[in-house]
Amino acid sequence: MHARFAPVLFGFILSALMSLIVSGIATLRNAGLVDGFLDLWLGAWLPSWLVAFPVVLVVAPVARRIVGLAVRAPAARAR
């Protein structure tokens, strides 16, 4: 895969993992560890991921700008 797709691939993986974890916690808190928990979890995760992926692609550049404003660039080293 070409390097120009790195931000999209990053968003794809990040949104998958984050929505998987968050939907798992929410499902566990709401339903408990019941029979069929995995089916409930995956049923909650897939629609969450379908929303999370485009949101990450839109929000990530905004977050990068905010972080850039909040931190100082490293000083250039003198040779």
N, C-alpha and C. Protein backbone atom coordinates (compact mmCIF):
# COMPACT_ATOMS: atom_id res chain seq x y z
N MET A 1 0.86 -1.18 0.00
CA MET A 1 0.00 0.00 0.00
C MET A 1 0.90 1.24 0.00
N HIS A 2 0.52 2.20 -0.78
CA HIS A 2 1.30 3.43 -0.89
C HIS A 2 1.20 4.24 0.40
N ALA A 3 2.28 4.93 0.75
CA ALA A 3 2.36 5.70 1.99
C ALA A 3 1.32 6.82 2.07
N ARG A 4 0.81 7.28 0.94
CA ARG A 4 -0.18 8.36 0.98
C ARG A 4 -1.48 7.91 1.62
N PHE A 5 -1.69 6.60 1.71
CA PHE A 5 -2.89 6.06 2.35
C PHE A 5 -2.71 5.86 3.86
N ALA A 6 -1.55 6.19 4.39
CA ALA A 6 -1.27 5.97 5.82
C ALA A 6 -2.28 6.66 6.73
N PRO A 7 -2.67 7.91 6.50
CA PRO A 7 -3.66 8.52 7.41
C PRO A 7 -5.01 7.81 7.38
N VAL A 8 -5.44 7.34 6.23
CA VAL A 8 -6.71 6.63 6.13
C VAL A 8 -6.61 5.27 6.82
N LEU A 9 -5.50 4.56 6.60
CA LEU A 9 -5.30 3.27 7.25
C LEU A 9 -5.21 3.44 8.76
N PHE A 10 -4.52 4.48 9.20
CA PHE A 10 -4.44 4.77 10.64
C PHE A 10 -5.83 5.00 11.20
N GLY A 11 -6.64 5.82 10.54
CA GLY A 11 -8.01 6.08 10.99
C GLY A 11 -8.86 4.83 11.00
N PHE A 12 -8.68 3.97 10.00
CA PHE A 12 -9.41 2.72 9.91
C PHE A 12 -9.11 1.82 11.11
N ILE A 13 -7.82 1.65 11.40
CA ILE A 13 -7.41 0.79 12.52
C ILE A 13 -7.77 1.41 13.85
N LEU A 14 -7.50 2.70 14.02
CA LEU A 14 -7.82 3.38 15.27
C LEU A 14 -9.31 3.32 15.56
N SER A 15 -10.14 3.62 14.57
CA SER A 15 -11.58 3.61 14.80
C SER A 15 -12.08 2.20 15.09
N ALA A 16 -11.50 1.21 14.46
CA ALA A 16 -11.90 -0.18 14.73
C ALA A 16 -11.60 -0.57 16.16
N LEU A 17 -10.38 -0.29 16.60
CA LEU A 17 -9.98 -0.68 17.95
C LEU A 17 -10.73 0.12 19.02
N MET A 18 -10.83 1.41 18.83
CA MET A 18 -11.51 2.24 19.84
C MET A 18 -12.99 1.88 19.94
N SER A 19 -13.67 1.72 18.81
CA SER A 19 -15.09 1.38 18.86
C SER A 19 -15.30 -0.02 19.40
N LEU A 20 -14.37 -0.94 19.14
CA LEU A 20 -14.46 -2.29 19.69
C LEU A 20 -14.38 -2.26 21.21
N ILE A 21 -13.42 -1.52 21.73
CA ILE A 21 -13.23 -1.44 23.18
C ILE A 21 -14.40 -0.72 23.85
N VAL A 22 -14.79 0.43 23.32
CA VAL A 22 -15.86 1.21 23.93
C VAL A 22 -17.20 0.47 23.86
N SER A 23 -17.50 -0.13 22.73
CA SER A 23 -18.77 -0.87 22.63
C SER A 23 -18.75 -2.10 23.53
N GLY A 24 -17.59 -2.71 23.70
CA GLY A 24 -17.48 -3.86 24.61
C GLY A 24 -17.75 -3.46 26.05
N ILE A 25 -17.19 -2.35 26.47
CA ILE A 25 -17.41 -1.86 27.84
C ILE A 25 -18.87 -1.48 28.03
N ALA A 26 -19.44 -0.76 27.06
CA ALA A 26 -20.85 -0.35 27.17
C ALA A 26 -21.78 -1.55 27.18
N THR A 27 -21.50 -2.53 26.35
CA THR A 27 -22.34 -3.73 26.31
C THR A 27 -22.23 -4.50 27.62
N LEU A 28 -21.03 -4.64 28.13
CA LEU A 28 -20.83 -5.35 29.40
C LEU A 28 -21.54 -4.63 30.54
N ARG A 29 -21.45 -3.32 30.57
CA ARG A 29 -22.12 -2.57 31.65
C ARG A 29 -23.64 -2.65 31.55
N ASN A 30 -24.17 -2.66 30.34
CA ASN A 30 -25.62 -2.66 30.17
C ASN A 30 -26.25 -4.04 30.24
N ALA A 31 -25.59 -5.05 29.70
CA ALA A 31 -26.19 -6.39 29.64
C ALA A 31 -25.57 -7.35 30.64
N GLY A 32 -24.35 -7.06 31.07
CA GLY A 32 -23.64 -8.00 31.93
C GLY A 32 -23.05 -9.12 31.09
N LEU A 33 -22.40 -10.03 31.76
CA LEU A 33 -21.75 -11.15 31.07
C LEU A 33 -22.77 -12.26 30.90
N VAL A 34 -23.68 -12.08 29.95
CA VAL A 34 -24.80 -12.99 29.71
C VAL A 34 -24.47 -13.93 28.56
N ASP A 35 -25.29 -14.99 28.44
CA ASP A 35 -25.18 -15.84 27.26
C ASP A 35 -25.45 -14.99 26.03
N GLY A 36 -24.64 -15.17 25.01
CA GLY A 36 -24.79 -14.38 23.80
C GLY A 36 -24.14 -13.02 23.87
N PHE A 37 -23.30 -12.81 24.90
CA PHE A 37 -22.63 -11.51 25.06
C PHE A 37 -21.84 -11.13 23.81
N LEU A 38 -21.12 -12.08 23.26
CA LEU A 38 -20.30 -11.78 22.08
C LEU A 38 -21.15 -11.30 20.92
N ASP A 39 -22.30 -11.92 20.72
CA ASP A 39 -23.20 -11.48 19.64
C ASP A 39 -23.72 -10.07 19.91
N LEU A 40 -24.08 -9.80 21.16
CA LEU A 40 -24.54 -8.45 21.53
C LEU A 40 -23.43 -7.42 21.27
N TRP A 41 -22.22 -7.79 21.69
CA TRP A 41 -21.08 -6.89 21.55
C TRP A 41 -20.81 -6.58 20.08
N LEU A 42 -20.74 -7.63 19.27
CA LEU A 42 -20.46 -7.41 17.85
C LEU A 42 -21.60 -6.67 17.17
N GLY A 43 -22.83 -6.92 17.62
CA GLY A 43 -23.97 -6.18 17.09
C GLY A 43 -23.93 -4.71 17.43
N ALA A 44 -23.32 -4.37 18.55
CA ALA A 44 -23.16 -2.96 18.93
C ALA A 44 -21.93 -2.35 18.26
N TRP A 45 -20.90 -3.18 18.07
CA TRP A 45 -19.64 -2.67 17.55
C TRP A 45 -19.71 -2.27 16.08
N LEU A 46 -20.30 -3.09 15.23
CA LEU A 46 -20.27 -2.79 13.80
C LEU A 46 -20.91 -1.45 13.46
N PRO A 47 -22.13 -1.14 13.96
CA PRO A 47 -22.67 0.19 13.64
C PRO A 47 -21.83 1.31 14.25
N SER A 48 -21.24 1.05 15.42
CA SER A 48 -20.37 2.06 16.04
C SER A 48 -19.16 2.34 15.16
N TRP A 49 -18.59 1.29 14.60
CA TRP A 49 -17.42 1.45 13.74
C TRP A 49 -17.79 2.20 12.47
N LEU A 50 -18.96 1.92 11.93
CA LEU A 50 -19.39 2.60 10.70
C LEU A 50 -19.53 4.11 10.92
N VAL A 51 -19.82 4.50 12.14
CA VAL A 51 -19.88 5.93 12.47
C VAL A 51 -18.48 6.44 12.83
N ALA A 52 -17.74 5.65 13.60
CA ALA A 52 -16.44 6.09 14.11
C ALA A 52 -15.41 6.34 13.01
N PHE A 53 -15.39 5.51 11.97
CA PHE A 53 -14.37 5.65 10.94
C PHE A 53 -14.42 7.00 10.22
N PRO A 54 -15.57 7.41 9.66
CA PRO A 54 -15.57 8.73 9.03
C PRO A 54 -15.37 9.87 10.03
N VAL A 55 -15.84 9.69 11.26
CA VAL A 55 -15.65 10.74 12.27
C VAL A 55 -14.16 10.92 12.55
N VAL A 56 -13.43 9.81 12.68
CA VAL A 56 -11.98 9.90 12.93
C VAL A 56 -11.28 10.61 11.77
N LEU A 57 -11.69 10.32 10.55
CA LEU A 57 -11.04 10.97 9.40
C LEU A 57 -11.26 12.48 9.41
N VAL A 58 -12.41 12.92 9.90
CA VAL A 58 -12.72 14.35 9.94
C VAL A 58 -12.09 15.01 11.16
N VAL A 59 -12.13 14.34 12.29
CA VAL A 59 -11.69 14.94 13.56
C VAL A 59 -10.17 14.89 13.74
N ALA A 60 -9.49 13.90 13.19
CA ALA A 60 -8.04 13.77 13.40
C ALA A 60 -7.26 15.01 12.98
N PRO A 61 -7.51 15.61 11.83
CA PRO A 61 -6.75 16.82 11.48
C PRO A 61 -7.00 17.98 12.46
N VAL A 62 -8.23 18.09 12.94
CA VAL A 62 -8.54 19.13 13.92
C VAL A 62 -7.77 18.87 15.21
N ALA A 63 -7.75 17.61 15.65
CA ALA A 63 -7.01 17.25 16.86
C ALA A 63 -5.51 17.53 16.69
N ARG A 64 -4.97 17.22 15.52
CA ARG A 64 -3.54 17.49 15.26
C ARG A 64 -3.24 18.98 15.36
N ARG A 65 -4.13 19.83 14.83
CA ARG A 65 -3.94 21.27 14.91
C ARG A 65 -3.98 21.75 16.36
N ILE A 66 -4.92 21.25 17.13
CA ILE A 66 -5.03 21.64 18.55
C ILE A 66 -3.78 21.22 19.30
N VAL A 67 -3.30 20.00 19.06
CA VAL A 67 -2.07 19.54 19.71
C VAL A 67 -0.89 20.41 19.28
N GLY A 68 -0.83 20.75 18.01
CA GLY A 68 0.25 21.62 17.52
C GLY A 68 0.26 22.97 18.20
N LEU A 69 -0.91 23.48 18.54
CA LEU A 69 -0.99 24.75 19.25
C LEU A 69 -0.63 24.60 20.73
N ALA A 70 -0.83 23.42 21.27
CA ALA A 70 -0.63 23.20 22.71
C ALA A 70 0.80 22.84 23.08
N VAL A 71 1.59 22.39 22.12
CA VAL A 71 2.96 21.98 22.44
C VAL A 71 3.95 22.86 21.70
N ARG A 72 5.13 22.91 22.25
CA ARG A 72 6.20 23.68 21.61
C ARG A 72 7.01 22.76 20.70
N ALA A 73 7.43 23.30 19.57
CA ALA A 73 8.30 22.54 18.68
C ALA A 73 9.66 22.42 19.33
N PRO A 74 10.36 21.30 19.12
CA PRO A 74 11.71 21.16 19.69
C PRO A 74 12.66 22.20 19.09
N ALA A 75 13.55 22.70 19.92
CA ALA A 75 14.52 23.70 19.47
C ALA A 75 15.49 23.03 18.49
N ALA A 76 15.89 23.80 17.48
CA ALA A 76 16.86 23.29 16.51
C ALA A 76 18.22 23.18 17.19
N ARG A 77 18.91 22.11 16.90
CA ARG A 77 20.26 21.92 17.50
C ARG A 77 21.30 22.68 16.69
N ALA A 78 22.19 23.30 17.40
CA ALA A 78 23.32 23.99 16.75
C ALA A 78 24.40 22.96 16.48
N ARG A 79 25.06 23.09 15.35
CA ARG A 79 26.12 22.12 15.02
C ARG A 79 27.45 22.64 15.41
